[in-house]
Amino acid sequence: MKTSRRTFLITSLGAVSALALASREALADAPHVAETDPTAVALGYKMDATKVDKAKYPKYAAGETCSNCQFFQGKPADAFAPCPMFGGKQVDGKGWCSAYSKKA
């Protein structure tokens, strides 16, 4: 009985690890958001935060980028990472949109 339980646990852990790795790889392969994407246009997304129209988006402050936003689902040093504001598509870490909210 112990052998079958041990085998079950080892097999289960292996399957869970494989699924977690596969889902992470799927996120890494997600398409990049284009500035012409309808959601990007609605949120004023720019791939380069320094090019944000400050008159149109007065909320923008220098230094705000996707990589330091709470919605950025990558590490701060990642060039691109998924963002839930764009359906999981990847945003540029140097980008910005009006949904920006500083990471805690």
PDB file of N, CA and C in Angstrom:
ATOM      1  N   MET A   1       0.829  -1.192   0.000  1.00  0.00           N
ATOM      2  CA  MET A   1       0.000   0.000   0.000  1.00  0.00           C
ATOM      3  C   MET A   1       0.871   1.253   0.000  1.00  0.00           C
ATOM      4  N   LYS A   2       1.975   1.246   0.784  1.00  0.00           N
ATOM      5  CA  LYS A   2       2.840   2.412   0.830  1.00  0.00           C
ATOM      6  C   LYS A   2       3.495   2.673  -0.522  1.00  0.00           C
ATOM      7  N   THR A   3       3.846   1.639  -1.228  1.00  0.00           N
ATOM      8  CA  THR A   3       4.491   1.802  -2.520  1.00  0.00           C
ATOM      9  C   THR A   3       3.556   2.487  -3.502  1.00  0.00           C
ATOM     10  N   SER A   4       2.291   2.099  -3.534  1.00  0.00           N
ATOM     11  CA  SER A   4       1.357   2.703  -4.478  1.00  0.00           C
ATOM     12  C   SER A   4       1.074   4.166  -4.094  1.00  0.00           C
ATOM     13  N   ARG A   5       0.995   4.459  -2.819  1.00  0.00           N
ATOM     14  CA  ARG A   5       0.774   5.835  -2.367  1.00  0.00           C
ATOM     15  C   ARG A   5       1.989   6.693  -2.737  1.00  0.00           C
ATOM     16  N   ARG A   6       3.177   6.175  -2.519  1.00  0.00           N
ATOM     17  CA  ARG A   6       4.412   6.886  -2.849  1.00  0.00           C
ATOM     18  C   ARG A   6       4.484   7.125  -4.360  1.00  0.00           C
ATOM     19  N   THR A   7       4.160   6.122  -5.138  1.00  0.00           N
ATOM     20  CA  THR A   7       4.160   6.247  -6.597  1.00  0.00           C
ATOM     21  C   THR A   7       3.145   7.305  -7.039  1.00  0.00           C
ATOM     22  N   PHE A   8       1.971   7.281  -6.431  1.00  0.00           N
ATOM     23  CA  PHE A   8       0.940   8.263  -6.752  1.00  0.00           C
ATOM     24  C   PHE A   8       1.433   9.687  -6.469  1.00  0.00           C
ATOM     25  N   LEU A   9       2.041   9.898  -5.311  1.00  0.00           N
ATOM     26  CA  LEU A   9       2.533  11.227  -4.944  1.00  0.00           C
ATOM     27  C   LEU A   9       3.630  11.705  -5.898  1.00  0.00           C
ATOM     28  N   ILE A  10       4.549  10.835  -6.230  1.00  0.00           N
ATOM     29  CA  ILE A  10       5.635  11.206  -7.148  1.00  0.00           C
ATOM     30  C   ILE A  10       5.071  11.548  -8.521  1.00  0.00           C
ATOM     31  N   THR A  11       4.148  10.728  -9.001  1.00  0.00           N
ATOM     32  CA  THR A  11       3.525  10.974 -10.308  1.00  0.00           C
ATOM     33  C   THR A  11       2.737  12.278 -10.289  1.00  0.00           C
ATOM     34  N   SER A  12       1.990  12.515  -9.225  1.00  0.00           N
ATOM     35  CA  SER A  12       1.183  13.736  -9.107  1.00  0.00           C
ATOM     36  C   SER A  12       2.058  14.976  -9.085  1.00  0.00           C
ATOM     37  N   LEU A  13       3.124  14.950  -8.323  1.00  0.00           N
ATOM     38  CA  LEU A  13       4.028  16.096  -8.252  1.00  0.00           C
ATOM     39  C   LEU A  13       4.668  16.368  -9.598  1.00  0.00           C
ATOM     40  N   GLY A  14       5.019  15.315 -10.309  1.00  0.00           N
ATOM     41  CA  GLY A  14       5.594  15.482 -11.642  1.00  0.00           C
ATOM     42  C   GLY A  14       4.607  16.114 -12.605  1.00  0.00           C
ATOM     43  N   ALA A  15       3.360  15.685 -12.550  1.00  0.00           N
ATOM     44  CA  ALA A  15       2.328  16.227 -13.440  1.00  0.00           C
ATOM     45  C   ALA A  15       2.045  17.692 -13.118  1.00  0.00           C
ATOM     46  N   VAL A  16       1.959  18.024 -11.841  1.00  0.00           N
ATOM     47  CA  VAL A  16       1.711  19.412 -11.433  1.00  0.00           C
ATOM     48  C   VAL A  16       2.871  20.302 -11.875  1.00  0.00           C
ATOM     49  N   SER A  17       4.082  19.841 -11.704  1.00  0.00           N
ATOM     50  CA  SER A  17       5.253  20.613 -12.132  1.00  0.00           C
ATOM     51  C   SER A  17       5.241  20.843 -13.637  1.00  0.00           C
ATOM     52  N   ALA A  18       4.895  19.828 -14.393  1.00  0.00           N
ATOM     53  CA  ALA A  18       4.850  19.949 -15.860  1.00  0.00           C
ATOM     54  C   ALA A  18       3.780  20.947 -16.284  1.00  0.00           C
ATOM     55  N   LEU A  19       2.614  20.898 -15.650  1.00  0.00           N
ATOM     56  CA  LEU A  19       1.536  21.840 -15.973  1.00  0.00           C
ATOM     57  C   LEU A  19       1.938  23.272 -15.634  1.00  0.00           C
ATOM     58  N   ALA A  20       2.560  23.473 -14.497  1.00  0.00           N
ATOM     59  CA  ALA A  20       2.988  24.816 -14.105  1.00  0.00           C
ATOM     60  C   ALA A  20       4.017  25.365 -15.086  1.00  0.00           C
ATOM     61  N   LEU A  21       4.947  24.530 -15.490  1.00  0.00           N
ATOM     62  CA  LEU A  21       5.972  24.956 -16.439  1.00  0.00           C
ATOM     63  C   LEU A  21       5.345  25.264 -17.797  1.00  0.00           C
ATOM     64  N   ALA A  22       4.417  24.450 -18.237  1.00  0.00           N
ATOM     65  CA  ALA A  22       3.759  24.665 -19.530  1.00  0.00           C
ATOM     66  C   ALA A  22       2.955  25.958 -19.531  1.00  0.00           C
ATOM     67  N   SER A  23       2.247  26.254 -18.443  1.00  0.00           N
ATOM     68  CA  SER A  23       1.456  27.485 -18.405  1.00  0.00           C
ATOM     69  C   SER A  23       2.362  28.711 -18.358  1.00  0.00           C
ATOM     70  N   ARG A  24       3.494  28.624 -17.688  1.00  0.00           N
ATOM     71  CA  ARG A  24       4.446  29.741 -17.643  1.00  0.00           C
ATOM     72  C   ARG A  24       5.041  29.971 -19.037  1.00  0.00           C
ATOM     73  N   GLU A  25       5.352  28.877 -19.742  1.00  0.00           N
ATOM     74  CA  GLU A  25       5.891  29.010 -21.095  1.00  0.00           C
ATOM     75  C   GLU A  25       4.845  29.588 -22.039  1.00  0.00           C
ATOM     76  N   ALA A  26       3.584  29.226 -21.845  1.00  0.00           N
ATOM     77  CA  ALA A  26       2.514  29.765 -22.691  1.00  0.00           C
ATOM     78  C   ALA A  26       2.399  31.271 -22.494  1.00  0.00           C
ATOM     79  N   LEU A  27       2.530  31.743 -21.260  1.00  0.00           N
ATOM     80  CA  LEU A  27       2.488  33.182 -21.004  1.00  0.00           C
ATOM     81  C   LEU A  27       3.685  33.880 -21.641  1.00  0.00           C
ATOM     82  N   ALA A  28       4.824  33.245 -21.613  1.00  0.00           N
ATOM     83  CA  ALA A  28       6.026  33.840 -22.192  1.00  0.00           C
ATOM     84  C   ALA A  28       5.915  33.950 -23.706  1.00  0.00           C
ATOM     85  N   ASP A  29       5.102  33.097 -24.323  1.00  0.00           N
ATOM     86  CA  ASP A  29       4.920  33.111 -25.769  1.00  0.00           C
ATOM     87  C   ASP A  29       3.742  33.982 -26.203  1.00  0.00           C
ATOM     88  N   ALA A  30       3.070  34.645 -25.263  1.00  0.00           N
ATOM     89  CA  ALA A  30       1.921  35.487 -25.595  1.00  0.00           C
ATOM     90  C   ALA A  30       2.374  36.619 -26.509  1.00  0.00           C
ATOM     91  N   PRO A  31       1.489  37.073 -27.404  1.00  0.00           N
ATOM     92  CA  PRO A  31       1.867  38.160 -28.322  1.00  0.00           C
ATOM     93  C   PRO A  31       2.082  39.481 -27.588  1.00  0.00           C
ATOM     94  N   HIS A  32       2.878  40.338 -28.183  1.00  0.00           N
ATOM     95  CA  HIS A  32       3.114  41.670 -27.625  1.00  0.00           C
ATOM     96  C   HIS A  32       1.954  42.586 -28.005  1.00  0.00           C
ATOM     97  N   VAL A  33       1.617  43.503 -27.134  1.00  0.00           N
ATOM     98  CA  VAL A  33       0.551  44.467 -27.406  1.00  0.00           C
ATOM     99  C   VAL A  33       1.084  45.523 -28.372  1.00  0.00           C
ATOM    100  N   ALA A  34       0.335  45.784 -29.420  1.00  0.00           N
ATOM    101  CA  ALA A  34       0.673  46.853 -30.359  1.00  0.00           C
ATOM    102  C   ALA A  34      -0.022  48.127 -29.901  1.00  0.00           C
ATOM    103  N   GLU A  35       0.595  49.260 -30.135  1.00  0.00           N
ATOM    104  CA  GLU A  35      -0.018  50.535 -29.751  1.00  0.00           C
ATOM    105  C   GLU A  35      -1.326  50.774 -30.499  1.00  0.00           C
ATOM    106  N   THR A  36      -1.531  50.068 -31.609  1.00  0.00           N
ATOM    107  CA  THR A  36      -2.753  50.214 -32.407  1.00  0.00           C
ATOM    108  C   THR A  36      -3.877  49.279 -31.954  1.00  0.00           C
ATOM    109  N   ASP A  37      -3.586  48.376 -31.028  1.00  0.00           N
ATOM    110  CA  ASP A  37      -4.590  47.477 -30.469  1.00  0.00           C
ATOM    111  C   ASP A  37      -5.715  48.335 -29.871  1.00  0.00           C
ATOM    112  N   PRO A  38      -6.993  47.985 -30.094  1.00  0.00           N
ATOM    113  CA  PRO A  38      -8.091  48.807 -29.574  1.00  0.00           C
ATOM    114  C   PRO A  38      -8.017  49.075 -28.067  1.00  0.00           C
ATOM    115  N   THR A  39      -7.639  48.071 -27.288  1.00  0.00           N
ATOM    116  CA  THR A  39      -7.507  48.276 -25.839  1.00  0.00           C
ATOM    117  C   THR A  39      -6.347  49.219 -25.544  1.00  0.00           C
ATOM    118  N   ALA A  40      -5.261  49.064 -26.285  1.00  0.00           N
ATOM    119  CA  ALA A  40      -4.099  49.937 -26.102  1.00  0.00           C
ATOM    120  C   ALA A  40      -4.463  51.387 -26.411  1.00  0.00           C
ATOM    121  N   VAL A  41      -5.217  51.590 -27.470  1.00  0.00           N
ATOM    122  CA  VAL A  41      -5.646  52.951 -27.835  1.00  0.00           C
ATOM    123  C   VAL A  41      -6.530  53.520 -26.733  1.00  0.00           C
ATOM    124  N   ALA A  42      -7.474  52.715 -26.239  1.00  0.00           N
ATOM    125  CA  ALA A  42      -8.385  53.173 -25.182  1.00  0.00           C
ATOM    126  C   ALA A  42      -7.650  53.531 -23.895  1.00  0.00           C
ATOM    127  N   LEU A  43      -6.561  52.801 -23.599  1.00  0.00           N
ATOM    128  CA  LEU A  43      -5.811  53.053 -22.363  1.00  0.00           C
ATOM    129  C   LEU A  43      -4.603  53.964 -22.568  1.00  0.00           C
ATOM    130  N   GLY A  44      -4.403  54.438 -23.783  1.00  0.00           N
ATOM    131  CA  GLY A  44      -3.273  55.326 -24.055  1.00  0.00           C
ATOM    132  C   GLY A  44      -1.928  54.638 -23.924  1.00  0.00           C
ATOM    133  N   TYR A  45      -1.872  53.335 -24.205  1.00  0.00           N
ATOM    134  CA  TYR A  45      -0.629  52.563 -24.060  1.00  0.00           C
ATOM    135  C   TYR A  45       0.437  53.043 -25.035  1.00  0.00           C
ATOM    136  N   LYS A  46       1.618  53.259 -24.501  1.00  0.00           N
ATOM    137  CA  LYS A  46       2.803  53.565 -25.300  1.00  0.00           C
ATOM    138  C   LYS A  46       3.884  52.577 -24.899  1.00  0.00           C
ATOM    139  N   MET A  47       4.603  52.052 -25.895  1.00  0.00           N
ATOM    140  CA  MET A  47       5.690  51.115 -25.610  1.00  0.00           C
ATOM    141  C   MET A  47       6.876  51.818 -24.964  1.00  0.00           C
ATOM    142  N   ASP A  48       6.945  53.122 -25.110  1.00  0.00           N
ATOM    143  CA  ASP A  48       8.005  53.938 -24.505  1.00  0.00           C
ATOM    144  C   ASP A  48       7.318  55.008 -23.670  1.00  0.00           C
ATOM    145  N   ALA A  49       7.378  54.867 -22.347  1.00  0.00           N
ATOM    146  CA  ALA A  49       6.678  55.782 -21.449  1.00  0.00           C
ATOM    147  C   ALA A  49       7.084  57.244 -21.639  1.00  0.00           C
ATOM    148  N   THR A  50       8.292  57.486 -22.136  1.00  0.00           N
ATOM    149  CA  THR A  50       8.722  58.877 -22.324  1.00  0.00           C
ATOM    150  C   THR A  50       7.975  59.553 -23.461  1.00  0.00           C
ATOM    151  N   LYS A  51       7.223  58.778 -24.248  1.00  0.00           N
ATOM    152  CA  LYS A  51       6.466  59.336 -25.379  1.00  0.00           C
ATOM    153  C   LYS A  51       4.981  59.522 -25.066  1.00  0.00           C
ATOM    154  N   VAL A  52       4.602  59.403 -23.786  1.00  0.00           N
ATOM    155  CA  VAL A  52       3.211  59.599 -23.385  1.00  0.00           C
ATOM    156  C   VAL A  52       2.849  61.067 -23.560  1.00  0.00           C
ATOM    157  N   ASP A  53       1.676  61.329 -24.116  1.00  0.00           N
ATOM    158  CA  ASP A  53       1.181  62.696 -24.288  1.00  0.00           C
ATOM    159  C   ASP A  53       0.745  63.211 -22.909  1.00  0.00           C
ATOM    160  N   LYS A  54       1.595  64.017 -22.300  1.00  0.00           N
ATOM    161  CA  LYS A  54       1.346  64.495 -20.933  1.00  0.00           C
ATOM    162  C   LYS A  54       0.139  65.423 -20.851  1.00  0.00           C
ATOM    163  N   ALA A  55      -0.210  66.081 -21.946  1.00  0.00           N
ATOM    164  CA  ALA A  55      -1.394  66.930 -21.966  1.00  0.00           C
ATOM    165  C   ALA A  55      -2.661  66.071 -21.946  1.00  0.00           C
ATOM    166  N   LYS A  56      -2.634  64.974 -22.683  1.00  0.00           N
ATOM    167  CA  LYS A  56      -3.786  64.072 -22.757  1.00  0.00           C
ATOM    168  C   LYS A  56      -3.902  63.191 -21.517  1.00  0.00           C
ATOM    169  N   TYR A  57      -2.753  62.840 -20.920  1.00  0.00           N
ATOM    170  CA  TYR A  57      -2.713  61.978 -19.741  1.00  0.00           C
ATOM    171  C   TYR A  57      -1.953  62.666 -18.608  1.00  0.00           C
ATOM    172  N   PRO A  58      -2.567  63.661 -17.967  1.00  0.00           N
ATOM    173  CA  PRO A  58      -1.878  64.399 -16.899  1.00  0.00           C
ATOM    174  C   PRO A  58      -1.543  63.533 -15.679  1.00  0.00           C
ATOM    175  N   LYS A  59      -2.186  62.366 -15.575  1.00  0.00           N
ATOM    176  CA  LYS A  59      -1.892  61.442 -14.479  1.00  0.00           C
ATOM    177  C   LYS A  59      -0.477  60.872 -14.583  1.00  0.00           C
ATOM    178  N   TYR A  60       0.061  60.825 -15.817  1.00  0.00           N
ATOM    179  CA  TYR A  60       1.395  60.264 -16.032  1.00  0.00           C
ATOM    180  C   TYR A  60       2.451  61.085 -15.294  1.00  0.00           C
ATOM    181  N   ALA A  61       3.380  60.374 -14.658  1.00  0.00           N
ATOM    182  CA  ALA A  61       4.525  61.019 -14.000  1.00  0.00           C
ATOM    183  C   ALA A  61       5.796  60.318 -14.465  1.00  0.00           C
ATOM    184  N   ALA A  62       6.833  61.087 -14.665  1.00  0.00           N
ATOM    185  CA  ALA A  62       8.122  60.532 -15.094  1.00  0.00           C
ATOM    186  C   ALA A  62       8.525  59.391 -14.164  1.00  0.00           C
ATOM    187  N   GLY A  63       9.050  58.329 -14.744  1.00  0.00           N
ATOM    188  CA  GLY A  63       9.491  57.176 -13.957  1.00  0.00           C
ATOM    189  C   GLY A  63       8.450  56.071 -13.881  1.00  0.00           C
ATOM    190  N   GLU A  64       7.196  56.368 -14.228  1.00  0.00           N
ATOM    191  CA  GLU A  64       6.169  55.338 -14.235  1.00  0.00           C
ATOM    192  C   GLU A  64       6.335  54.487 -15.498  1.00  0.00           C
ATOM    193  N   THR A  65       6.498  53.199 -15.322  1.00  0.00           N
ATOM    194  CA  THR A  65       6.618  52.270 -16.448  1.00  0.00           C
ATOM    195  C   THR A  65       5.849  50.996 -16.116  1.00  0.00           C
ATOM    196  N   CYS A  66       5.569  50.231 -17.127  1.00  0.00           N
ATOM    197  CA  CYS A  66       4.874  48.957 -16.912  1.00  0.00           C
ATOM    198  C   CYS A  66       5.638  48.077 -15.922  1.00  0.00           C
ATOM    199  N   SER A  67       6.958  48.094 -15.988  1.00  0.00           N
ATOM    200  CA  SER A  67       7.749  47.199 -15.134  1.00  0.00           C
ATOM    201  C   SER A  67       7.626  47.517 -13.649  1.00  0.00           C
ATOM    202  N   ASN A  68       7.161  48.728 -13.293  1.00  0.00           N
ATOM    203  CA  ASN A  68       6.951  49.018 -11.869  1.00  0.00           C
ATOM    204  C   ASN A  68       5.465  49.225 -11.554  1.00  0.00           C
ATOM    205  N   CYS A  69       4.607  48.649 -12.408  1.00  0.00           N
ATOM    206  CA  CYS A  69       3.152  48.684 -12.215  1.00  0.00           C
ATOM    207  C   CYS A  69       2.706  47.385 -11.556  1.00  0.00           C
ATOM    208  N   GLN A  70       1.688  47.459 -10.729  1.00  0.00           N
ATOM    209  CA  GLN A  70       1.209  46.246 -10.046  1.00  0.00           C
ATOM    210  C   GLN A  70       0.622  45.211 -10.994  1.00  0.00           C
ATOM    211  N   PHE A  71       0.238  45.605 -12.195  1.00  0.00           N
ATOM    212  CA  PHE A  71      -0.354  44.666 -13.140  1.00  0.00           C
ATOM    213  C   PHE A  71       0.676  43.917 -13.988  1.00  0.00           C
ATOM    214  N   PHE A  72       1.919  44.366 -13.993  1.00  0.00           N
ATOM    215  CA  PHE A  72       2.999  43.742 -14.765  1.00  0.00           C
ATOM    216  C   PHE A  72       3.290  42.378 -14.146  1.00  0.00           C
ATOM    217  N   GLN A  73       3.080  41.300 -14.891  1.00  0.00           N
ATOM    218  CA  GLN A  73       3.198  39.952 -14.351  1.00  0.00           C
ATOM    219  C   GLN A  73       4.559  39.313 -14.603  1.00  0.00           C
ATOM    220  N   GLY A  74       5.572  40.120 -14.575  1.00  0.00           N
ATOM    221  CA  GLY A  74       6.926  39.615 -14.744  1.00  0.00           C
ATOM    222  C   GLY A  74       7.817  40.206 -13.676  1.00  0.00           C
ATOM    223  N   LYS A  75       9.098  39.976 -13.827  1.00  0.00           N
ATOM    224  CA  LYS A  75      10.078  40.579 -12.925  1.00  0.00           C
ATOM    225  C   LYS A  75      10.365  41.987 -13.428  1.00  0.00           C
ATOM    226  N   PRO A  76      10.726  42.907 -12.545  1.00  0.00           N
ATOM    227  CA  PRO A  76      11.004  44.283 -12.982  1.00  0.00           C
ATOM    228  C   PRO A  76      12.033  44.394 -14.105  1.00  0.00           C
ATOM    229  N   ALA A  77      12.959  43.456 -14.195  1.00  0.00           N
ATOM    230  CA  ALA A  77      13.993  43.506 -15.237  1.00  0.00           C
ATOM    231  C   ALA A  77      13.549  42.886 -16.569  1.00  0.00           C
ATOM    232  N   ASP A  78      12.368  42.248 -16.599  1.00  0.00           N
ATOM    233  CA  ASP A  78      11.889  41.623 -17.834  1.00  0.00           C
ATOM    234  C   ASP A  78      11.584  42.678 -18.894  1.00  0.00           C
ATOM    235  N   ALA A  79      12.009  42.413 -20.124  1.00  0.00           N
ATOM    236  CA  ALA A  79      11.741  43.345 -21.230  1.00  0.00           C
ATOM    237  C   ALA A  79      10.245  43.378 -21.548  1.00  0.00           C
ATOM    238  N   PHE A  80       9.596  42.220 -21.550  1.00  0.00           N
ATOM    239  CA  PHE A  80       8.158  42.105 -21.799  1.00  0.00           C
ATOM    240  C   PHE A  80       7.567  41.129 -20.800  1.00  0.00           C
ATOM    241  N   ALA A  81       6.305  41.345 -20.431  1.00  0.00           N
ATOM    242  CA  ALA A  81       5.604  40.419 -19.542  1.00  0.00           C
ATOM    243  C   ALA A  81       4.100  40.586 -19.753  1.00  0.00           C
ATOM    244  N   PRO A  82       3.326  39.549 -19.421  1.00  0.00           N
ATOM    245  CA  PRO A  82       1.882  39.634 -19.571  1.00  0.00           C
ATOM    246  C   PRO A  82       1.267  40.696 -18.665  1.00  0.00           C
ATOM    247  N   CYS A  83       0.138  41.241 -19.123  1.00  0.00           N
ATOM    248  CA  CYS A  83      -0.612  42.233 -18.345  1.00  0.00           C
ATOM    249  C   CYS A  83      -2.098  41.898 -18.454  1.00  0.00           C
ATOM    250  N   PRO A  84      -2.796  41.790 -17.320  1.00  0.00           N
ATOM    251  CA  PRO A  84      -4.217  41.461 -17.368  1.00  0.00           C
ATOM    252  C   PRO A  84      -5.069  42.556 -18.021  1.00  0.00           C
ATOM    253  N   MET A  85      -4.590  43.765 -18.080  1.00  0.00           N
ATOM    254  CA  MET A  85      -5.336  44.848 -18.731  1.00  0.00           C
ATOM    255  C   MET A  85      -5.475  44.595 -20.233  1.00  0.00           C
ATOM    256  N   PHE A  86      -4.575  43.789 -20.770  1.00  0.00           N
ATOM    257  CA  PHE A  86      -4.556  43.508 -22.201  1.00  0.00           C
ATOM    258  C   PHE A  86      -4.809  42.029 -22.482  1.00  0.00           C
ATOM    259  N   GLY A  87      -5.592  41.398 -21.641  1.00  0.00           N
ATOM    260  CA  GLY A  87      -5.953  39.999 -21.847  1.00  0.00           C
ATOM    261  C   GLY A  87      -4.782  39.052 -21.794  1.00  0.00           C
ATOM    262  N   GLY A  88      -3.763  39.396 -21.018  1.00  0.00           N
ATOM    263  CA  GLY A  88      -2.602  38.531 -20.890  1.00  0.00           C
ATOM    264  C   GLY A  88      -1.559  38.728 -21.970  1.00  0.00           C
ATOM    265  N   LYS A  89      -1.826  39.609 -22.946  1.00  0.00           N
ATOM    266  CA  LYS A  89      -0.798  39.908 -23.944  1.00  0.00           C
ATOM    267  C   LYS A  89       0.368  40.573 -23.221  1.00  0.00           C
ATOM    268  N   GLN A  90       1.540  40.510 -23.837  1.00  0.00           N
ATOM    269  CA  GLN A  90       2.728  41.060 -23.201  1.00  0.00           C
ATOM    270  C   GLN A  90       2.887  42.549 -23.504  1.00  0.00           C
ATOM    271  N   VAL A  91       3.221  43.294 -22.457  1.00  0.00           N
ATOM    272  CA  VAL A  91       3.501  44.721 -22.598  1.00  0.00           C
ATOM    273  C   VAL A  91       4.992  44.951 -22.441  1.00  0.00           C
ATOM    274  N   ASP A  92       5.465  46.041 -22.993  1.00  0.00           N
ATOM    275  CA  ASP A  92       6.874  46.413 -22.881  1.00  0.00           C
ATOM    276  C   ASP A  92       7.128  46.921 -21.460  1.00  0.00           C
ATOM    277  N   GLY A  93       8.179  46.442 -20.832  1.00  0.00           N
ATOM    278  CA  GLY A  93       8.519  46.887 -19.481  1.00  0.00           C
ATOM    279  C   GLY A  93       8.760  48.385 -19.397  1.00  0.00           C
ATOM    280  N   LYS A  94       9.143  48.993 -20.518  1.00  0.00           N
ATOM    281  CA  LYS A  94       9.400  50.440 -20.560  1.00  0.00           C
ATOM    282  C   LYS A  94       8.154  51.220 -20.955  1.00  0.00           C
ATOM    283  N   GLY A  95       7.035  50.505 -21.122  1.00  0.00           N
ATOM    284  CA  GLY A  95       5.798  51.138 -21.561  1.00  0.00           C
ATOM    285  C   GLY A  95       5.005  51.773 -20.433  1.00  0.00           C
ATOM    286  N   TRP A  96       3.818  52.264 -20.796  1.00  0.00           N
ATOM    287  CA  TRP A  96       2.913  52.898 -19.824  1.00  0.00           C
ATOM    288  C   TRP A  96       1.511  52.915 -20.411  1.00  0.00           C
ATOM    289  N   CYS A  97       0.499  52.832 -19.533  1.00  0.00           N
ATOM    290  CA  CYS A  97      -0.890  53.069 -19.947  1.00  0.00           C
ATOM    291  C   CYS A  97      -1.625  53.727 -18.785  1.00  0.00           C
ATOM    292  N   SER A  98      -2.813  54.212 -19.073  1.00  0.00           N
ATOM    293  CA  SER A  98      -3.560  54.967 -18.058  1.00  0.00           C
ATOM    294  C   SER A  98      -4.076  54.098 -16.918  1.00  0.00           C
ATOM    295  N   ALA A  99      -3.948  52.765 -17.010  1.00  0.00           N
ATOM    296  CA  ALA A  99      -4.327  51.881 -15.914  1.00  0.00           C
ATOM    297  C   ALA A  99      -3.186  51.722 -14.904  1.00  0.00           C
ATOM    298  N   TYR A 100      -2.085  52.416 -15.135  1.00  0.00           N
ATOM    299  CA  TYR A 100      -0.895  52.298 -14.285  1.00  0.00           C
ATOM    300  C   TYR A 100      -1.249  52.467 -12.803  1.00  0.00           C
ATOM    301  N   SER A 101      -0.711  51.564 -11.995  1.00  0.00           N
ATOM    302  CA  SER A 101      -0.858  51.628 -10.544  1.00  0.00           C
ATOM    303  C   SER A 101       0.453  51.133  -9.936  1.00  0.00           C
ATOM    304  N   LYS A 102       1.121  52.005  -9.201  1.00  0.00           N
ATOM    305  CA  LYS A 102       2.442  51.671  -8.665  1.00  0.00           C
ATOM    306  C   LYS A 102       2.415  50.406  -7.840  1.00  0.00           C
ATOM    307  N   LYS A 103       3.412  49.552  -8.068  1.00  0.00           N
ATOM    308  CA  LYS A 103       3.586  48.318  -7.307  1.00  0.00           C
ATOM    309  C   LYS A 103       3.832  48.655  -5.847  1.00  0.00           C
ATOM    310  N   ALA A 104       3.201  47.899  -4.968  1.00  0.00           N
ATOM    311  CA  ALA A 104       3.383  48.126  -3.527  1.00  0.00           C
ATOM    312  C   ALA A 104       4.765  47.708  -3.081  1.00  0.00           C
TER     313      ALA A 104
END
